Amino acid sequence: MNFSGTVDFRPKLWSAMRHYNGKKFQADLIAGVVVGIVALPLAIAFGIASGGSPTIGLITAIIGGFMVSAFGGNSVQIGGPTGAFIVIVYGIISRFGLEGLAVATFMAGLILVLMGLFKLGTVIKFIPYPHSGGPHAHHPGTPASGEHD
């Protein structure tokens, strides 16, 4: 494994903006409104169900959605709240408080960044499919898209 050299990752947003125009903005605006109609009430509900407040759910969804869009590696990548994490987040908040959740989130992000820097993305093959793909099997488009084939 070669750990020397520079990291060549560039967020897709940088290259996508070169060919961005008014027509794409209009389509993105409509898509954003539709996603917001679904995701924002869901974020409020997840904030409450996780033991936090509706405000925390909204702030988390907005910041998380922005981060995925700004730093994601795919121009059609979607980020939003998922029900699979309610139990995990609730457990962390009830045991360690919101500060503990912030620490756990930072640690998870740090692990992901380090795995990316050390090119350890192939480690996913050692994680059983029910743990990596199972939580998303309920999405209606997943089986039809062949995303997990």
Protein backbone atom coordinates (compact mmCIF):
# COMPACT_ATOMS: atom_id res chain seq x y z
CA MET A 1 0.00 0.00 0.00
CA ASN A 2 1.44 3.35 -1.04
CA PHE A 3 0.73 6.18 1.41
CA SER A 4 2.87 8.79 -0.30
CA GLY A 5 1.69 11.35 -2.79
CA THR A 6 -1.11 13.86 -2.84
CA VAL A 7 -4.81 13.28 -2.43
CA ASP A 8 -6.50 13.78 -5.79
CA PHE A 9 -10.11 14.08 -4.60
CA ARG A 10 -12.08 17.01 -5.92
CA PRO A 11 -15.73 17.46 -4.96
CA LYS A 12 -17.99 16.93 -7.96
CA LEU A 13 -19.52 20.35 -7.34
CA TRP A 14 -16.35 22.01 -8.63
CA SER A 15 -16.47 20.32 -12.02
CA ALA A 16 -20.28 20.46 -12.26
CA MET A 17 -20.31 24.25 -11.88
CA ARG A 18 -18.31 24.70 -15.10
CA HIS A 19 -21.31 23.61 -17.19
CA TYR A 20 -24.05 25.04 -14.96
CA ASN A 21 -26.69 27.25 -16.56
CA GLY A 22 -30.13 28.70 -15.94
CA LYS A 23 -31.95 25.63 -17.24
CA LYS A 24 -30.09 23.34 -14.83
CA PHE A 25 -30.69 25.80 -12.00
CA GLN A 26 -34.45 25.76 -12.68
CA ALA A 27 -34.50 21.94 -12.64
CA ASP A 28 -32.40 21.89 -9.46
CA LEU A 29 -34.66 24.44 -7.80
CA ILE A 30 -37.78 22.37 -8.51
CA ALA A 31 -36.03 19.20 -7.32
CA GLY A 32 -34.86 20.99 -4.17
CA VAL A 33 -38.37 22.15 -3.32
CA VAL A 34 -39.75 18.63 -3.79
CA VAL A 35 -37.00 17.10 -1.65
CA GLY A 36 -37.51 19.81 0.98
CA ILE A 37 -41.24 19.07 1.16
CA VAL A 38 -40.39 15.49 2.10
CA ALA A 39 -37.09 15.83 3.97
CA LEU A 40 -37.76 18.78 6.29
CA PRO A 41 -40.83 17.34 8.06
CA LEU A 42 -38.98 14.03 8.22
CA ALA A 43 -35.99 15.78 9.81
CA ILE A 44 -38.27 17.38 12.40
CA ALA A 45 -39.75 13.97 13.24
CA PHE A 46 -36.33 12.35 13.45
CA GLY A 47 -35.10 15.14 15.74
CA ILE A 48 -37.97 14.45 18.13
CA ALA A 49 -37.73 10.64 17.86
CA SER A 50 -33.99 10.76 18.56
CA GLY A 51 -34.51 12.54 21.85
CA GLY A 52 -33.58 15.97 20.57
CA SER A 53 -35.74 18.88 19.50
CA PRO A 54 -37.36 19.71 16.15
CA THR A 55 -34.83 22.52 15.73
CA ILE A 56 -31.91 20.13 16.09
CA GLY A 57 -33.49 17.83 13.49
CA LEU A 58 -33.87 20.73 11.03
CA ILE A 59 -30.39 22.11 11.57
CA THR A 60 -28.86 18.66 11.18
CA ALA A 61 -30.74 17.99 7.94
CA ILE A 62 -29.81 21.36 6.44
CA ILE A 63 -26.12 21.18 7.37
CA GLY A 64 -25.87 17.50 6.43
CA GLY A 65 -27.59 18.06 3.10
CA PHE A 66 -25.29 20.96 2.30
CA MET A 67 -22.18 18.97 3.24
CA VAL A 68 -23.19 16.01 1.05
CA SER A 69 -23.94 18.31 -1.88
CA ALA A 70 -20.83 20.45 -1.50
CA PHE A 71 -18.29 17.71 -0.80
CA GLY A 72 -19.85 14.63 -2.40
CA GLY A 73 -18.09 12.72 -5.14
CA ASN A 74 -21.10 12.37 -7.45
CA SER A 75 -23.22 15.01 -9.13
CA VAL A 76 -26.45 13.08 -8.47
CA GLN A 77 -25.67 12.10 -4.88
CA ILE A 78 -28.52 12.59 -2.41
CA GLY A 79 -28.20 13.06 1.33
CA GLY A 80 -31.02 13.16 3.82
CA PRO A 81 -32.36 11.85 7.07
CA THR A 82 -32.73 8.09 7.46
CA GLY A 83 -34.85 6.25 9.99
CA ALA A 84 -32.28 3.52 10.48
CA PHE A 85 -30.18 5.82 12.67
CA ILE A 86 -32.93 6.91 15.08
CA VAL A 87 -32.25 4.05 17.48
CA ILE A 88 -28.49 4.65 17.41
CA VAL A 89 -28.78 8.41 17.83
CA TYR A 90 -31.38 8.05 20.59
CA GLY A 91 -29.10 5.65 22.48
CA ILE A 92 -26.14 8.01 22.25
CA ILE A 93 -28.18 11.07 23.28
CA SER A 94 -29.85 9.29 26.20
CA ARG A 95 -26.54 7.96 27.54
CA PHE A 96 -24.05 10.73 26.67
CA GLY A 97 -26.17 13.78 25.79
CA LEU A 98 -25.89 16.00 22.74
CA GLU A 99 -22.21 16.58 23.47
CA GLY A 100 -21.62 12.82 23.25
CA LEU A 101 -23.47 12.73 19.92
CA ALA A 102 -21.25 15.53 18.61
CA VAL A 103 -18.14 13.61 19.69
CA ALA A 104 -19.41 10.36 18.12
CA THR A 105 -20.24 12.18 14.88
CA PHE A 106 -16.80 13.81 14.77
CA MET A 107 -15.11 10.46 15.42
CA ALA A 108 -17.13 8.76 12.66
CA GLY A 109 -16.23 11.53 10.22
CA LEU A 110 -12.57 11.33 11.17
CA ILE A 111 -12.57 7.57 10.59
CA LEU A 112 -14.13 8.07 7.13
CA VAL A 113 -11.59 10.75 6.20
CA LEU A 114 -8.67 8.60 7.36
CA MET A 115 -10.03 5.60 5.45
CA GLY A 116 -10.20 7.78 2.35
CA LEU A 117 -6.71 9.16 2.80
CA PHE A 118 -5.26 5.68 3.29
CA LYS A 119 -7.32 4.30 0.37
CA LEU A 120 -9.11 1.76 2.55
CA GLY A 121 -12.41 1.91 0.67
CA THR A 122 -12.11 -1.75 -0.29
CA VAL A 123 -12.46 -2.69 3.40
CA ILE A 124 -16.23 -2.58 2.76
CA LYS A 125 -15.98 -6.02 1.15
CA PHE A 126 -15.28 -7.46 4.62
CA ILE A 127 -18.52 -6.02 6.05
CA PRO A 128 -21.49 -8.36 5.48
CA TYR A 129 -24.11 -7.07 3.03
CA PRO A 130 -26.94 -6.95 5.63
CA HIS A 131 -24.93 -4.34 7.54
CA SER A 132 -23.99 -2.17 4.56
CA GLY A 133 -26.90 -2.56 2.15
CA GLY A 134 -29.67 -3.98 4.30
CA PRO A 135 -30.78 -0.72 5.96
CA HIS A 136 -31.44 0.77 2.53
CA ALA A 137 -33.32 -2.20 1.07
CA HIS A 138 -36.64 -0.53 1.87
CA HIS A 139 -36.03 2.25 -0.65
CA PRO A 140 -38.37 1.61 -3.59
CA GLY A 141 -35.86 2.53 -6.30
CA THR A 142 -33.00 0.40 -4.99
CA PRO A 143 -34.07 -3.03 -6.29
CA ALA A 144 -35.08 -1.64 -9.67
CA SER A 145 -31.89 0.34 -10.13
CA GLY A 146 -29.59 -2.62 -9.57
CA GLU A 147 -27.58 -0.37 -7.25
CA HIS A 148 -26.52 -3.25 -4.97
CA ASP A 149 -25.93 -5.90 -7.61
